[in-house]
Amino acid sequence: MSSIPVTRRGTAIAAALMSASLLLTACGGDGDDTGGKTTGSGGDKAAETRSVKAENGTVEIPAAPRRIVTIGNTNLPFIDLGGKPVGVTEVSDAELGVLPKEQKTAYEAAEVVGSSGGDVDLEKLAALKPDLILVQFHANDWDKVGKRLESIAPTVLWGLDTEWKSFAGEIAEAGNVTDELGRQKTEFEKKVAQIKKTYRTTIDDTKFVDVSRGDWSDPGTFYIADIGCSEIARDDIGLDLPAAAEGKDPLAYESLPFEQIGELSTYDVITYPVDAEGRPTEPFVPVTRTNTWKALPTVTSGRALGVFCPGNNSYGPVNRYLDSLDGALASLAGKL
């Protein structure tokens, strides 16, 4: 599951890689960083390897990688799981702004080897002597640059359509941060169970719609969100939310004109995106300023709920989303 901006970032990074300055010779790390399978009983632990399955096949990687570079959508999930990459590609100011302090520090401590929409300097990447590269972008782009990445270090690829729980689990396995994954996964399961128990009647009897707007949206348009955090609310919590028909593009891919805001009155509850302080996100503010939005019975009766979604491709940000959703559902008491 990938949200719209995630897909666009992955494609932009892949395109940048194709035009970047490429290092065509393999660059190994120091003796402590990487190596082949241990053959002797007293072999160096850092030289041991293991196999992981990825989009690019079965990859032999260090058992305990020490110098990891993350490219594209792997940056923040790896850091969320406690990883400390030596190299990263740029993420947006908005994404950095919602990171917990320690995660922001881990990101800023890494060497930036490329921009979110510009060049990725593979010579700079190779100079970091990574023993593992984690990357997510489209398979078609991998066909053009994958071998060059693999010439630098073992590289693990994920496609853009990888489901978020699998994505988090596989990054944890490859990056050797499974302990934190287990803790976060347990927390996620507890939060889901508690929300379902606490708001069982609301969940069963209420018709929800999740609406949003991104900085890529055309002026005067919004969309109905059925991917990202909305998908978690629907599939894990059980909220009755609109979704695209089987085999069809997500509803989120269709821009709707502001003239259709009034049609949201057919739903009992509207959810919309807010920042960590509970304010409508900047791209969504134009929706809230329309007279049609202000006149919606759902809005005037307090059944339009702002929900904070800091991310949807790792357990840490999803757990923060669930906390926000919990609070939003609690605010419905006596309003339905």
Protein backbone atom coordinates (compact mmCIF):
# COMPACT_ATOMS: atom_id res chain seq x y z
CA MET A 1 0.00 0.00 0.00
CA SER A 2 1.48 3.32 -1.01
CA SER A 3 0.02 6.77 -0.74
CA ILE A 4 0.07 9.07 -3.75
CA PRO A 5 3.04 11.23 -2.69
CA VAL A 6 5.10 8.15 -1.84
CA THR A 7 4.64 6.79 -5.35
CA ARG A 8 5.69 10.07 -6.90
CA ARG A 9 8.79 10.35 -4.74
CA GLY A 10 9.83 6.83 -5.62
CA THR A 11 9.47 7.51 -9.35
CA ALA A 12 11.38 10.77 -9.13
CA ILE A 13 14.26 9.14 -7.28
CA ALA A 14 14.46 6.36 -9.82
CA ALA A 15 14.60 8.85 -12.66
CA ALA A 16 17.34 10.74 -10.88
CA LEU A 17 19.38 7.59 -10.46
CA MET A 18 19.25 6.98 -14.20
CA SER A 19 20.89 10.33 -14.94
CA ALA A 20 23.28 10.40 -11.98
CA SER A 21 27.03 10.01 -12.11
CA LEU A 22 27.47 6.24 -11.79
CA LEU A 23 30.33 4.30 -10.29
CA LEU A 24 30.72 1.11 -12.32
CA THR A 25 33.21 -0.75 -10.13
CA ALA A 26 32.27 -2.55 -6.93
CA CYS A 27 33.32 -0.81 -3.74
CA GLY A 28 33.80 -2.96 -0.68
CA GLY A 29 33.94 -1.83 2.92
CA ASP A 30 36.72 -2.26 5.43
CA GLY A 31 37.46 -5.66 6.81
CA ASP A 32 35.05 -5.12 9.67
CA ASP A 33 32.18 -4.13 7.42
CA THR A 34 31.48 -6.92 4.96
CA GLY A 35 32.61 -10.24 3.61
CA GLY A 36 31.61 -13.71 2.54
CA LYS A 37 30.19 -16.61 4.48
CA THR A 38 32.26 -17.71 7.43
CA THR A 39 34.05 -20.99 6.78
CA GLY A 40 36.00 -21.41 10.01
CA SER A 41 34.62 -21.89 13.50
CA GLY A 42 36.40 -18.75 14.66
CA GLY A 43 35.33 -16.52 11.76
CA ASP A 44 34.63 -12.85 12.29
CA LYS A 45 30.93 -12.32 13.09
CA ALA A 46 30.87 -9.33 10.74
CA ALA A 47 31.82 -11.62 7.84
CA GLU A 48 28.80 -13.90 8.23
CA THR A 49 25.99 -13.57 5.71
CA ARG A 50 22.36 -14.55 5.36
CA SER A 51 19.84 -14.62 2.56
CA VAL A 52 16.74 -12.45 2.24
CA LYS A 53 14.05 -12.56 -0.41
CA ALA A 54 13.36 -9.30 -2.21
CA GLU A 55 11.86 -7.88 -5.36
CA ASN A 56 15.23 -8.45 -7.05
CA GLY A 57 15.44 -12.08 -5.99
CA THR A 58 17.29 -13.77 -3.14
CA VAL A 59 20.03 -11.45 -1.90
CA GLU A 60 23.02 -12.44 0.20
CA ILE A 61 23.53 -9.73 2.82
CA PRO A 62 25.68 -9.30 5.96
CA ALA A 63 24.19 -11.03 9.00
CA ALA A 64 24.72 -7.85 11.01
CA PRO A 65 25.06 -4.93 8.56
CA ARG A 66 26.85 -1.92 9.99
CA ARG A 67 26.84 0.65 7.19
CA ILE A 68 23.41 0.91 5.59
CA VAL A 69 22.33 3.38 2.94
CA THR A 70 18.61 3.96 2.45
CA ILE A 71 17.20 5.24 -0.84
CA GLY A 72 13.71 6.61 -1.41
CA ASN A 73 10.86 5.28 0.68
CA THR A 74 13.14 3.12 2.85
CA ASN A 75 14.63 6.14 4.67
CA LEU A 76 12.05 6.79 7.35
CA PRO A 77 10.79 3.22 7.98
CA PHE A 78 14.35 2.06 8.72
CA ILE A 79 14.95 4.99 11.05
CA ASP A 80 11.55 4.41 12.68
CA LEU A 81 12.70 0.89 13.54
CA GLY A 82 15.76 2.23 15.33
CA GLY A 83 18.13 2.09 12.36
CA LYS A 84 20.94 4.61 11.92
CA PRO A 85 21.79 4.80 8.21
CA VAL A 86 25.11 6.21 7.06
CA GLY A 87 23.50 7.55 3.88
CA VAL A 88 20.01 8.72 2.96
CA THR A 89 18.16 10.52 0.21
CA GLU A 90 16.32 13.74 0.99
CA VAL A 91 12.83 13.74 2.44
CA SER A 92 10.45 16.66 2.50
CA ASP A 93 10.40 19.29 5.24
CA ALA A 94 6.84 18.15 6.04
CA GLU A 95 8.03 14.60 6.67
CA LEU A 96 10.95 15.75 8.80
CA GLY A 97 8.68 18.07 10.74
CA VAL A 98 6.55 15.24 12.16
CA LEU A 99 9.44 12.95 13.13
CA PRO A 100 10.15 12.32 16.81
CA LYS A 101 13.29 14.16 17.91
CA GLU A 102 15.55 11.11 18.08
CA GLN A 103 14.52 9.99 14.59
CA LYS A 104 15.15 13.43 13.14
CA THR A 105 18.59 13.36 14.75
CA ALA A 106 19.34 9.96 13.19
CA TYR A 107 18.29 11.22 9.77
CA GLU A 108 20.32 14.43 10.01
CA ALA A 109 23.41 12.50 11.14
CA ALA A 110 23.46 10.57 7.84
CA GLU A 111 25.15 11.72 4.64
CA VAL A 112 22.64 12.91 2.04
CA VAL A 113 23.47 11.15 -1.23
CA GLY A 114 20.64 12.57 -3.29
CA SER A 115 17.52 14.71 -3.37
CA SER A 116 13.89 13.64 -3.42
CA GLY A 117 13.50 14.94 -6.94
CA GLY A 118 17.05 15.54 -8.17
CA ASP A 119 20.31 13.67 -8.72
CA VAL A 120 21.51 10.74 -6.65
CA ASP A 121 25.29 10.69 -6.65
CA LEU A 122 26.34 7.05 -6.65
CA GLU A 123 30.00 7.96 -6.36
CA LYS A 124 29.17 9.73 -3.12
CA LEU A 125 27.11 6.74 -2.05
CA ALA A 126 29.98 4.34 -2.80
CA ALA A 127 32.44 6.52 -0.88
CA LEU A 128 30.43 5.74 2.26
CA LYS A 129 31.51 2.08 1.86
CA PRO A 130 28.05 0.67 2.61
CA ASP A 131 27.66 -3.02 3.31
CA LEU A 132 23.92 -2.87 2.51
CA ILE A 133 21.64 -0.68 0.38
CA LEU A 134 17.87 -0.57 0.94
CA VAL A 135 15.83 0.88 -1.92
CA GLN A 136 12.24 1.21 -3.07
CA PHE A 137 11.17 2.31 -6.52
CA HIS A 138 9.39 0.98 -9.60
CA ALA A 139 10.54 -2.36 -11.05
CA ASN A 140 10.93 -0.85 -14.54
CA ASP A 141 13.48 1.62 -13.21
CA TRP A 142 15.28 -1.12 -11.30
CA ASP A 143 15.90 -2.89 -14.61
CA LYS A 144 17.87 0.17 -15.75
CA VAL A 145 19.97 0.89 -12.65
CA GLY A 146 19.80 -2.12 -10.35
CA LYS A 147 23.02 -3.79 -11.46
CA ARG A 148 24.92 -0.56 -10.85
CA LEU A 149 23.61 -0.34 -7.31
CA GLU A 150 24.50 -3.98 -6.73
CA SER A 151 28.07 -3.26 -7.87
CA ILE A 152 28.46 -1.04 -4.82
CA ALA A 153 26.96 -3.28 -2.13
CA PRO A 154 24.29 -5.96 -1.60
CA THR A 155 21.04 -4.21 -2.50
CA VAL A 156 17.53 -5.12 -1.37
CA LEU A 157 14.67 -3.82 -3.52
CA TRP A 158 10.98 -3.31 -2.76
CA GLY A 159 8.35 -2.36 -5.32
CA LEU A 160 6.04 0.59 -4.76
CA ASP A 161 3.02 -1.67 -4.24
CA THR A 162 4.48 -3.51 -1.23
CA GLU A 163 1.94 -3.72 1.59
CA TRP A 164 3.09 -1.62 4.54
CA LYS A 165 3.23 -4.37 7.17
CA SER A 166 5.32 -6.57 4.89
CA PHE A 167 7.48 -3.57 4.03
CA ALA A 168 8.20 -2.82 7.69
CA GLY A 169 8.85 -6.47 8.50
CA GLU A 170 11.22 -7.01 5.60
CA ILE A 171 13.15 -3.79 6.27
CA ALA A 172 13.52 -4.89 9.89
CA GLU A 173 14.83 -8.29 8.81
CA ALA A 174 17.26 -6.91 6.24
CA GLY A 175 18.48 -4.11 8.52
CA ASN A 176 18.70 -6.34 11.60
CA VAL A 177 16.31 -4.24 13.70
CA THR A 178 13.69 -6.89 14.44
CA ASP A 179 13.59 -6.24 18.19
CA GLU A 180 12.07 -2.80 17.69
CA LEU A 181 9.72 -4.19 15.07
CA GLY A 182 8.38 -6.70 17.60
CA ARG A 183 7.76 -3.99 20.18
CA GLN A 184 5.99 -1.69 17.73
CA LYS A 185 3.92 -4.51 16.25
CA THR A 186 2.72 -5.55 19.71
CA GLU A 187 1.78 -1.93 20.47
CA PHE A 188 -0.10 -1.71 17.16
CA GLU A 189 -2.11 -4.85 17.89
CA LYS A 190 -3.03 -3.60 21.37
CA LYS A 191 -4.17 -0.22 20.05
CA VAL A 192 -6.29 -1.80 17.31
CA ALA A 193 -7.94 -4.18 19.77
CA GLN A 194 -8.67 -1.40 22.26
CA ILE A 195 -10.20 0.93 19.65
CA LYS A 196 -12.40 -1.84 18.27
CA LYS A 197 -13.59 -2.72 21.76
CA THR A 198 -14.16 0.85 22.96
CA TYR A 199 -16.02 2.10 19.87
CA ARG A 200 -17.73 -1.09 18.74
CA THR A 201 -21.18 0.47 18.38
CA THR A 202 -19.86 3.54 16.55
CA ILE A 203 -17.83 1.36 14.20
CA ASP A 204 -20.78 -0.88 13.42
CA ASP A 205 -23.46 1.79 12.99
CA THR A 206 -21.68 4.77 11.41
CA LYS A 207 -21.00 5.65 7.78
CA PHE A 208 -17.62 7.40 7.47
CA VAL A 209 -15.80 9.15 4.65
CA ASP A 210 -12.17 10.24 4.68
CA VAL A 211 -11.40 13.28 2.52
CA SER A 212 -8.06 14.87 1.81
CA ARG A 213 -6.07 17.15 -0.42
CA GLY A 214 -2.35 17.10 -1.23
CA ASP A 215 0.13 19.73 -2.31
CA TRP A 216 0.01 18.06 -5.74
CA SER A 217 -3.76 18.51 -6.05
CA ASP A 218 -5.10 20.87 -8.72
CA PRO A 219 -6.59 24.14 -7.43
CA GLY A 220 -10.22 23.80 -6.41
CA THR A 221 -10.09 20.02 -6.01
CA PHE A 222 -10.02 17.43 -3.23
CA TYR A 223 -10.26 13.65 -3.15
CA ILE A 224 -11.81 10.81 -1.19
CA ALA A 225 -8.99 8.95 0.54
CA ASP A 226 -9.15 5.17 0.41
CA ILE A 227 -5.42 4.43 0.70
CA GLY A 228 -2.81 5.35 3.29
CA CYS A 229 -4.09 5.78 6.84
CA SER A 230 -7.67 5.55 5.59
CA GLU A 231 -6.94 2.00 4.53
CA ILE A 232 -5.77 1.17 8.03
CA ALA A 233 -8.96 2.60 9.52
CA ARG A 234 -11.04 0.53 7.10
CA ASP A 235 -9.15 -2.75 7.07
CA ASP A 236 -7.73 -2.97 10.59
CA ILE A 237 -10.26 -0.99 12.65
CA GLY A 238 -13.33 -1.80 10.55
CA LEU A 239 -14.66 1.70 9.84
CA ASP A 240 -17.28 1.82 7.08
CA LEU A 241 -15.31 3.88 4.55
CA PRO A 242 -15.65 4.11 0.75
CA ALA A 243 -13.21 2.08 -1.30
CA ALA A 244 -12.62 1.50 -4.99
CA ALA A 245 -14.18 -1.53 -6.62
CA GLU A 246 -11.97 -4.58 -7.05
CA GLY A 247 -9.51 -4.06 -9.87
CA LYS A 248 -10.19 -0.32 -10.15
CA ASP A 249 -7.84 2.57 -9.36
CA PRO A 250 -8.09 3.93 -5.80
CA LEU A 251 -10.69 6.64 -5.29
CA ALA A 252 -7.81 8.85 -4.14
CA TYR A 253 -6.55 9.02 -7.71
CA GLU A 254 -9.65 10.97 -8.81
CA SER A 255 -9.69 14.72 -8.22
CA LEU A 256 -13.13 16.06 -7.28
CA PRO A 257 -14.15 19.71 -7.70
CA PHE A 258 -15.09 21.76 -4.67
CA GLU A 259 -18.63 21.84 -6.09
CA GLN A 260 -19.00 18.23 -4.92
CA ILE A 261 -18.20 18.97 -1.28
CA GLY A 262 -21.95 19.15 -0.56
CA GLU A 263 -22.28 15.47 -1.50
CA LEU A 264 -20.36 14.59 1.65
CA SER A 265 -23.56 15.27 3.60
CA THR A 266 -24.65 11.69 2.87
CA TYR A 267 -22.08 10.43 5.41
CA ASP A 268 -22.49 10.41 9.19
CA VAL A 269 -18.87 11.36 9.93
CA ILE A 270 -16.14 13.03 7.89
CA THR A 271 -12.46 12.65 8.70
CA TYR A 272 -9.85 15.00 7.25
CA PRO A 273 -6.07 15.57 7.67
CA VAL A 274 -4.61 17.72 10.44
CA ASP A 275 -1.07 18.34 11.69
CA ALA A 276 0.32 17.28 15.06
CA GLU A 277 -1.31 20.32 16.70
CA GLY A 278 -4.74 19.46 15.29
CA ARG A 279 -4.81 22.18 12.63
CA PRO A 280 -5.96 21.36 9.09
CA THR A 281 -2.95 20.56 6.93
CA GLU A 282 -1.90 23.40 4.66
CA PRO A 283 -3.11 21.70 1.44
CA PHE A 284 -6.51 20.99 3.03
CA VAL A 285 -7.10 24.53 4.34
CA PRO A 286 -8.76 25.69 1.06
CA VAL A 287 -11.44 23.04 1.54
CA THR A 288 -12.25 24.26 5.06
CA ARG A 289 -12.60 27.84 3.80
CA THR A 290 -15.36 27.09 1.33
CA ASN A 291 -18.90 28.04 2.31
CA THR A 292 -20.07 24.60 1.23
CA TRP A 293 -17.79 22.91 3.76
CA LYS A 294 -18.79 25.30 6.53
CA ALA A 295 -22.49 24.63 5.82
CA LEU A 296 -22.25 20.83 5.92
CA PRO A 297 -24.44 19.47 8.74
CA THR A 298 -21.61 17.09 9.56
CA VAL A 299 -19.32 20.05 10.13
CA THR A 300 -21.77 22.24 12.04
CA SER A 301 -22.66 19.36 14.38
CA GLY A 302 -19.05 18.53 15.22
CA ARG A 303 -18.93 15.29 13.27
CA ALA A 304 -16.08 16.39 10.97
CA LEU A 305 -12.99 15.02 12.69
CA GLY A 306 -9.40 16.04 12.10
CA VAL A 307 -7.04 13.06 12.27
CA PHE A 308 -3.24 13.19 12.29
CA CYS A 309 -1.46 10.74 9.98
CA PRO A 310 2.35 11.18 10.15
CA GLY A 311 2.92 8.25 7.81
CA ASN A 312 1.60 4.88 6.75
CA ASN A 313 4.57 2.68 5.87
CA SER A 314 5.91 1.73 9.30
CA TYR A 315 4.43 0.84 12.69
CA GLY A 316 5.70 3.91 14.57
CA PRO A 317 3.80 6.54 12.58
CA VAL A 318 0.79 4.25 12.23
CA ASN A 319 0.65 3.90 16.01
CA ARG A 320 0.64 7.70 16.29
CA TYR A 321 -2.20 7.77 13.76
CA LEU A 322 -4.19 5.29 15.86
CA ASP A 323 -3.77 7.52 18.91
CA SER A 324 -5.19 10.43 16.94
CA LEU A 325 -8.05 8.34 15.58
CA ASP A 326 -8.84 7.15 19.11
CA GLY A 327 -9.17 10.73 20.29
CA ALA A 328 -11.29 11.69 17.29
CA LEU A 329 -13.72 8.82 17.85
CA ALA A 330 -13.97 9.71 21.53
CA SER A 331 -15.09 13.23 20.55
CA LEU A 332 -18.17 11.77 18.83
CA ALA A 333 -19.80 10.89 22.15
CA GLY A 334 -23.36 12.26 22.13
CA LYS A 335 -23.13 13.57 18.55
CA LEU A 336 -24.48 10.54 16.64
